[in-house]
């Protein structure tokens, strides 16, 4: 069998506002996004795409992907994710398509059957848990599977020379990278009291560690962990100036194992001990 869809994971129909942003996710199953109306920018790992009405893009398992509306047009999109381990699925890696009329009709049928088979909501991007309706028509889920496999077969039958719509968008790439850095910084700010690792931050953002490291070097000019350590010290300096906690309490509050490790790190960053910094603050106001 060329394609064997084992499971339908999620089915969504989105009506995006013109400034909608979905900052991204990564999961271990296939997904496609179809633009039913308007224009959308998509990030697939490190490649940006600009997709228009009638376009479709596939995301392979474990590929980081995010979505932006273009801030000009309110758009509608269909997203279906599924499990298919057939080797032929490799054909869809890194590919976008402009669907023909009969293929668009299959998409319409998929959505119609999906609405009949499953309970809403269909517009929650984080929802990957379909609930079958008690009154769902007999055989409707099998019809979804058949139509999805038929769509895959039709697209595959075009061959490698199919008319492509691989519309590269450097704007989408730039927006995605900036958003990843902003999310990483926000996560570090919210967890400045903890001892975060690069692995944990990257996992939270659903991004490969090496890619996050490279983005920070490019956008911020330093490594992720150097930025986080500096953030801890800036927080410590603020707490010292507020004079509401002693050095031991500050060290504990920021997740240091001891006052000694805190003092050593503080001096490495500022060339002053915490005590010297506190005296310098008082000297500036006297």
Protein backbone atom coordinates (compact mmCIF):
# COMPACT_ATOMS: atom_id res chain seq x y z
CA UNK A 1 0.00 0.00 0.00
CA UNK A 2 1.44 3.37 -1.04
CA UNK A 3 -0.11 5.33 1.87
CA UNK A 4 -1.64 3.90 5.02
CA UNK A 5 -2.98 6.56 7.38
CA UNK A 6 -3.02 4.86 10.77
CA UNK A 7 -4.55 7.64 12.84
CA UNK A 8 -6.10 11.07 12.47
CA UNK A 9 -4.59 13.17 15.27
CA UNK A 10 -6.25 16.57 14.83
CA UNK A 11 -8.49 18.51 12.48
CA UNK A 12 -8.70 22.29 12.62
CA UNK A 13 -10.40 25.09 10.76
CA UNK A 14 -9.01 28.50 11.69
CA UNK A 15 -10.32 31.97 10.93
CA UNK A 16 -7.21 34.03 11.68
CA UNK A 17 -7.23 37.70 12.56
CA UNK A 18 -4.92 39.75 10.35
CA UNK A 19 -2.31 39.96 13.14
CA UNK A 20 -2.55 36.34 14.33
CA UNK A 21 0.68 34.65 15.45
CA UNK A 22 1.12 31.00 16.37
CA UNK A 23 4.63 30.85 17.79
CA UNK A 24 5.16 27.24 16.88
CA UNK A 25 5.32 23.61 17.90
CA UNK A 26 6.98 20.31 17.12
CA UNK A 27 5.36 16.86 17.25
CA UNK A 28 6.02 13.32 16.10
CA UNK A 29 3.33 13.05 13.40
CA UNK A 30 2.64 14.54 9.97
CA UNK A 31 0.67 17.73 9.45
CA UNK A 32 -0.51 19.76 6.50
CA UNK A 33 -1.75 23.33 6.37
CA UNK A 34 -4.05 24.46 3.58
CA UNK A 35 -4.87 28.13 2.92
CA UNK A 36 -8.61 28.36 2.30
CA UNK A 37 -8.63 32.16 2.12
CA UNK A 38 -6.11 35.00 2.25
CA UNK A 39 -2.35 34.75 2.79
CA UNK A 40 -0.25 33.27 5.57
CA UNK A 41 3.46 33.10 6.32
CA UNK A 42 4.84 29.82 7.59
CA UNK A 43 8.13 28.77 9.11
CA UNK A 44 9.28 25.16 8.65
CA UNK A 45 12.45 24.58 10.66
CA UNK A 46 14.75 27.25 9.19
CA UNK A 47 12.84 27.96 5.95
CA UNK A 48 10.12 30.59 5.54
CA UNK A 49 7.21 30.36 3.09
CA UNK A 50 4.55 32.78 1.92
CA UNK A 51 1.39 30.86 1.08
CA UNK A 52 -1.72 32.11 -0.70
CA UNK A 53 -5.26 30.85 -1.16
CA UNK A 54 -5.20 27.32 -2.56
CA UNK A 55 -1.68 26.56 -1.30
CA UNK A 56 -0.76 23.67 0.97
CA UNK A 57 2.41 22.84 2.89
CA UNK A 58 3.39 19.60 4.66
CA UNK A 59 5.33 19.40 7.93
CA UNK A 60 7.21 16.17 8.55
CA UNK A 61 7.33 14.62 12.06
CA UNK A 62 9.47 16.60 14.53
CA UNK A 63 9.77 19.60 12.21
CA UNK A 64 9.38 22.88 14.09
CA UNK A 65 6.69 25.01 12.41
CA UNK A 66 4.98 28.31 13.14
CA UNK A 67 2.39 30.53 11.44
CA UNK A 68 1.82 34.27 10.99
CA UNK A 69 -0.97 36.21 9.38
CA UNK A 70 0.52 38.96 7.19
CA UNK A 71 -1.02 41.83 9.25
CA UNK A 72 -3.01 42.91 6.19
CA UNK A 73 -5.49 40.14 5.39
CA UNK A 74 -7.67 38.04 7.70
CA UNK A 75 -7.15 34.45 6.54
CA UNK A 76 -8.76 31.04 6.87
CA UNK A 77 -6.72 27.85 7.12
CA UNK A 78 -7.28 24.13 7.46
CA UNK A 79 -4.80 22.05 9.46
CA UNK A 80 -4.94 18.27 9.60
CA UNK A 81 -2.39 16.13 11.42
CA UNK A 82 -2.11 12.38 11.12
CA UNK A 83 0.07 9.33 11.62
CA UNK A 84 1.36 7.70 8.45
CA UNK A 85 4.56 5.66 8.55
CA UNK A 86 4.58 4.74 4.85
CA UNK A 87 8.02 5.29 3.27
CA UNK A 88 6.33 7.17 0.40
CA UNK A 89 5.59 10.05 2.80
CA UNK A 90 9.19 11.18 2.33
CA UNK A 91 8.00 12.67 -0.96
CA UNK A 92 6.21 15.44 0.96
CA UNK A 93 9.20 16.61 3.02
CA UNK A 94 9.90 20.27 2.37
CA UNK A 95 7.16 20.58 -0.27
CA UNK A 96 4.37 23.06 -0.85
CA UNK A 97 1.63 22.71 -3.46
CA UNK A 98 -0.96 24.80 -5.23
CA UNK A 99 -3.99 22.52 -5.25
CA UNK A 100 -6.09 21.87 -8.30
CA UNK A 101 -9.89 21.93 -8.21
CA UNK A 102 -10.38 18.20 -7.61
CA UNK A 103 -7.83 18.30 -4.80
CA UNK A 104 -9.57 21.29 -3.21
CA UNK A 105 -12.81 19.33 -3.36
CA UNK A 106 -11.17 16.52 -1.38
CA UNK A 107 -10.11 19.03 1.28
CA UNK A 108 -13.70 20.30 1.48
CA UNK A 109 -14.97 16.75 1.92
CA UNK A 110 -12.39 16.06 4.63
CA UNK A 111 -13.59 19.07 6.61
CA UNK A 112 -17.25 18.19 6.08
CA UNK A 113 -16.71 14.65 7.32
CA UNK A 114 -14.53 15.91 10.17
CA UNK A 115 -17.21 18.28 11.42
CA UNK A 116 -19.70 15.41 11.29
CA UNK A 117 -17.40 12.97 13.11
CA UNK A 118 -15.81 14.98 15.91
CA UNK A 119 -16.75 17.33 18.71
CA UNK A 120 -15.65 20.99 18.48
CA UNK A 121 -13.71 23.18 19.05
CA UNK A 122 -11.85 23.16 15.75
CA UNK A 123 -9.98 26.43 16.26
CA UNK A 124 -7.64 25.61 19.17
CA UNK A 125 -4.09 25.22 17.75
CA UNK A 126 -2.87 23.36 20.84
CA UNK A 127 -5.61 20.72 20.72
CA UNK A 128 -4.45 17.32 19.43
CA UNK A 129 -7.15 15.18 20.96
CA UNK A 130 -10.14 14.41 18.76
CA UNK A 131 -13.35 13.34 20.49
CA UNK A 132 -15.82 11.34 18.38
CA UNK A 133 -19.42 12.52 18.48
CA UNK A 134 -21.89 10.06 19.97
CA UNK A 135 -24.19 10.65 16.98
CA UNK A 136 -21.44 10.49 14.32
CA UNK A 137 -22.63 8.85 11.07
CA UNK A 138 -21.57 5.25 10.61
CA UNK A 139 -18.27 4.87 8.76
CA UNK A 140 -17.48 8.59 8.73
CA UNK A 141 -14.01 8.19 10.23
CA UNK A 142 -13.16 5.60 7.59
CA UNK A 143 -14.33 8.07 4.94
CA UNK A 144 -11.93 10.65 6.35
CA UNK A 145 -9.06 8.15 6.17
CA UNK A 146 -9.95 7.19 2.59
CA UNK A 147 -10.19 10.81 1.41
CA UNK A 148 -6.91 11.71 3.10
CA UNK A 149 -5.11 8.78 1.49
CA UNK A 150 -6.66 9.69 -1.86
CA UNK A 151 -5.38 13.26 -1.50
CA UNK A 152 -1.88 11.98 -0.76
CA UNK A 153 -2.02 9.68 -3.79
CA UNK A 154 -3.17 12.49 -6.07
CA UNK A 155 -0.38 14.79 -4.95
CA UNK A 156 2.19 12.00 -5.20
CA UNK A 157 1.06 11.11 -8.71
CA UNK A 158 2.17 14.54 -9.94
CA UNK A 159 5.74 13.30 -9.64
CA UNK A 160 8.80 15.25 -8.62
CA UNK A 161 8.31 17.68 -11.50
CA UNK A 162 4.92 18.84 -10.20
CA UNK A 163 4.22 22.57 -10.51
CA UNK A 164 5.46 23.86 -7.18
CA UNK A 165 4.55 26.86 -5.08
CA UNK A 166 7.58 26.81 -2.85
CA UNK A 167 7.37 30.51 -2.16
CA UNK A 168 10.36 31.29 -0.01
CA UNK A 169 9.79 34.17 2.39
CA UNK A 170 12.74 35.77 4.14
CA UNK A 171 10.27 37.95 6.06
CA UNK A 172 8.67 34.85 7.57
CA UNK A 173 12.09 33.50 8.48
CA UNK A 174 13.08 36.77 10.14
CA UNK A 175 9.81 37.01 12.08
CA UNK A 176 10.06 33.42 13.24
CA UNK A 177 13.63 33.79 14.43
CA UNK A 178 12.85 37.03 16.28
CA UNK A 179 9.83 35.43 17.92
CA UNK A 180 11.88 32.42 19.06
CA UNK A 181 14.43 34.71 20.70
CA UNK A 182 11.67 36.75 22.37
CA UNK A 183 10.02 33.60 23.71
CA UNK A 184 13.32 32.28 25.03
CA UNK A 185 14.03 35.54 26.83
CA UNK A 186 10.51 35.64 28.25
CA UNK A 187 10.88 32.06 29.52
CA UNK A 188 14.21 32.91 31.16
CA UNK A 189 12.71 36.02 32.79
CA UNK A 190 9.86 33.95 34.20
CA UNK A 191 12.33 31.39 35.57
CA UNK A 192 15.27 33.54 36.60
CA UNK A 193 15.18 31.94 40.06
CA UNK A 194 15.85 28.48 38.61
CA UNK A 195 18.93 26.79 37.18
CA UNK A 196 17.81 26.39 33.59
CA UNK A 197 19.78 24.45 31.01
CA UNK A 198 19.99 24.99 27.26
CA UNK A 199 18.27 21.63 26.84
CA UNK A 200 15.27 22.68 28.93
CA UNK A 201 14.88 26.06 27.22
CA UNK A 202 15.10 24.50 23.74
CA UNK A 203 12.65 21.77 24.72
CA UNK A 204 10.16 24.35 26.02
CA UNK A 205 10.36 26.20 22.69
CA UNK A 206 10.16 22.96 20.67
CA UNK A 207 13.39 23.81 18.90
CA UNK A 208 16.71 22.03 18.38
CA UNK A 209 19.40 23.17 20.84
CA UNK A 210 21.95 23.94 18.13
CA UNK A 211 19.46 26.12 16.26
CA UNK A 212 18.55 28.09 19.41
CA UNK A 213 22.25 28.53 20.22
CA UNK A 214 22.96 29.82 16.70
CA UNK A 215 19.98 32.20 16.77
CA UNK A 216 21.13 33.77 20.03
CA UNK A 217 24.65 34.20 18.71
CA UNK A 218 23.23 35.90 15.62
CA UNK A 219 20.48 38.03 17.19
CA UNK A 220 21.84 38.80 20.67
CA UNK A 221 25.58 38.42 20.25
CA UNK A 222 26.11 35.86 23.00
CA UNK A 223 25.15 32.32 23.95
CA UNK A 224 21.82 31.48 25.56
CA UNK A 225 23.40 30.47 28.85
CA UNK A 226 25.64 33.54 29.00
CA UNK A 227 22.52 35.69 28.50
CA UNK A 228 20.71 33.81 31.28
CA UNK A 229 23.62 34.14 33.70
CA UNK A 230 23.83 37.86 32.97
CA UNK A 231 20.09 38.12 33.56
CA UNK A 232 20.55 36.56 36.99
CA UNK A 233 23.22 39.10 37.87
CA UNK A 234 21.10 42.04 36.64
CA UNK A 235 18.30 40.75 38.87
CA UNK A 236 20.75 40.45 41.77
CA UNK A 237 21.92 44.03 41.24
CA UNK A 238 18.31 45.22 41.37
CA UNK A 239 17.71 43.31 44.61
CA UNK A 240 20.88 44.75 46.13
CA UNK A 241 19.78 48.28 45.27
CA UNK A 242 16.36 47.66 46.80
CA UNK A 243 18.05 46.63 50.09
CA UNK A 244 15.21 44.30 51.07
CA UNK A 245 17.29 41.10 51.14
CA UNK A 246 20.78 40.18 52.29
CA UNK A 247 23.29 38.47 50.00
CA UNK A 248 22.49 34.97 51.25
CA UNK A 249 18.76 35.52 50.63
CA UNK A 250 19.48 36.89 47.14
CA UNK A 251 21.68 33.92 46.33
CA UNK A 252 18.97 31.52 47.46
CA UNK A 253 16.27 33.45 45.62
CA UNK A 254 18.20 33.19 42.34
CA UNK A 255 18.89 29.49 42.64
CA UNK A 256 22.58 29.56 43.57
CA UNK A 257 23.84 26.61 45.57
CA UNK A 258 25.70 28.85 48.02
CA UNK A 259 26.62 32.44 48.78
CA UNK A 260 30.13 31.60 47.57
CA UNK A 261 29.04 30.52 44.08
CA UNK A 262 26.81 33.60 43.87
CA UNK A 263 29.67 35.93 44.86
CA UNK A 264 32.07 34.25 42.45
CA UNK A 265 29.62 34.52 39.56
CA UNK A 266 28.76 38.13 40.45
CA UNK A 267 32.43 39.11 40.38
CA UNK A 268 33.03 37.27 37.08
CA UNK A 269 30.30 39.33 35.43
CA UNK A 270 30.75 42.74 37.09
CA UNK A 271 34.39 42.73 38.26
CA UNK A 272 33.04 43.50 41.73
CA UNK A 273 31.90 41.43 44.66
CA UNK A 274 28.30 41.94 45.83
CA UNK A 275 29.62 43.93 48.79
CA UNK A 276 31.72 46.16 46.52
CA UNK A 277 28.73 46.73 44.25
CA UNK A 278 26.53 47.65 47.25
CA UNK A 279 29.14 50.16 48.45
CA UNK A 280 29.43 51.65 44.96
CA UNK A 281 25.66 52.17 44.80
CA UNK A 282 25.68 54.00 48.14
CA UNK A 283 28.68 56.09 47.06
CA UNK A 284 26.80 57.28 44.00
CA UNK A 285 23.89 58.62 46.04
CA UNK A 286 25.88 60.31 48.81
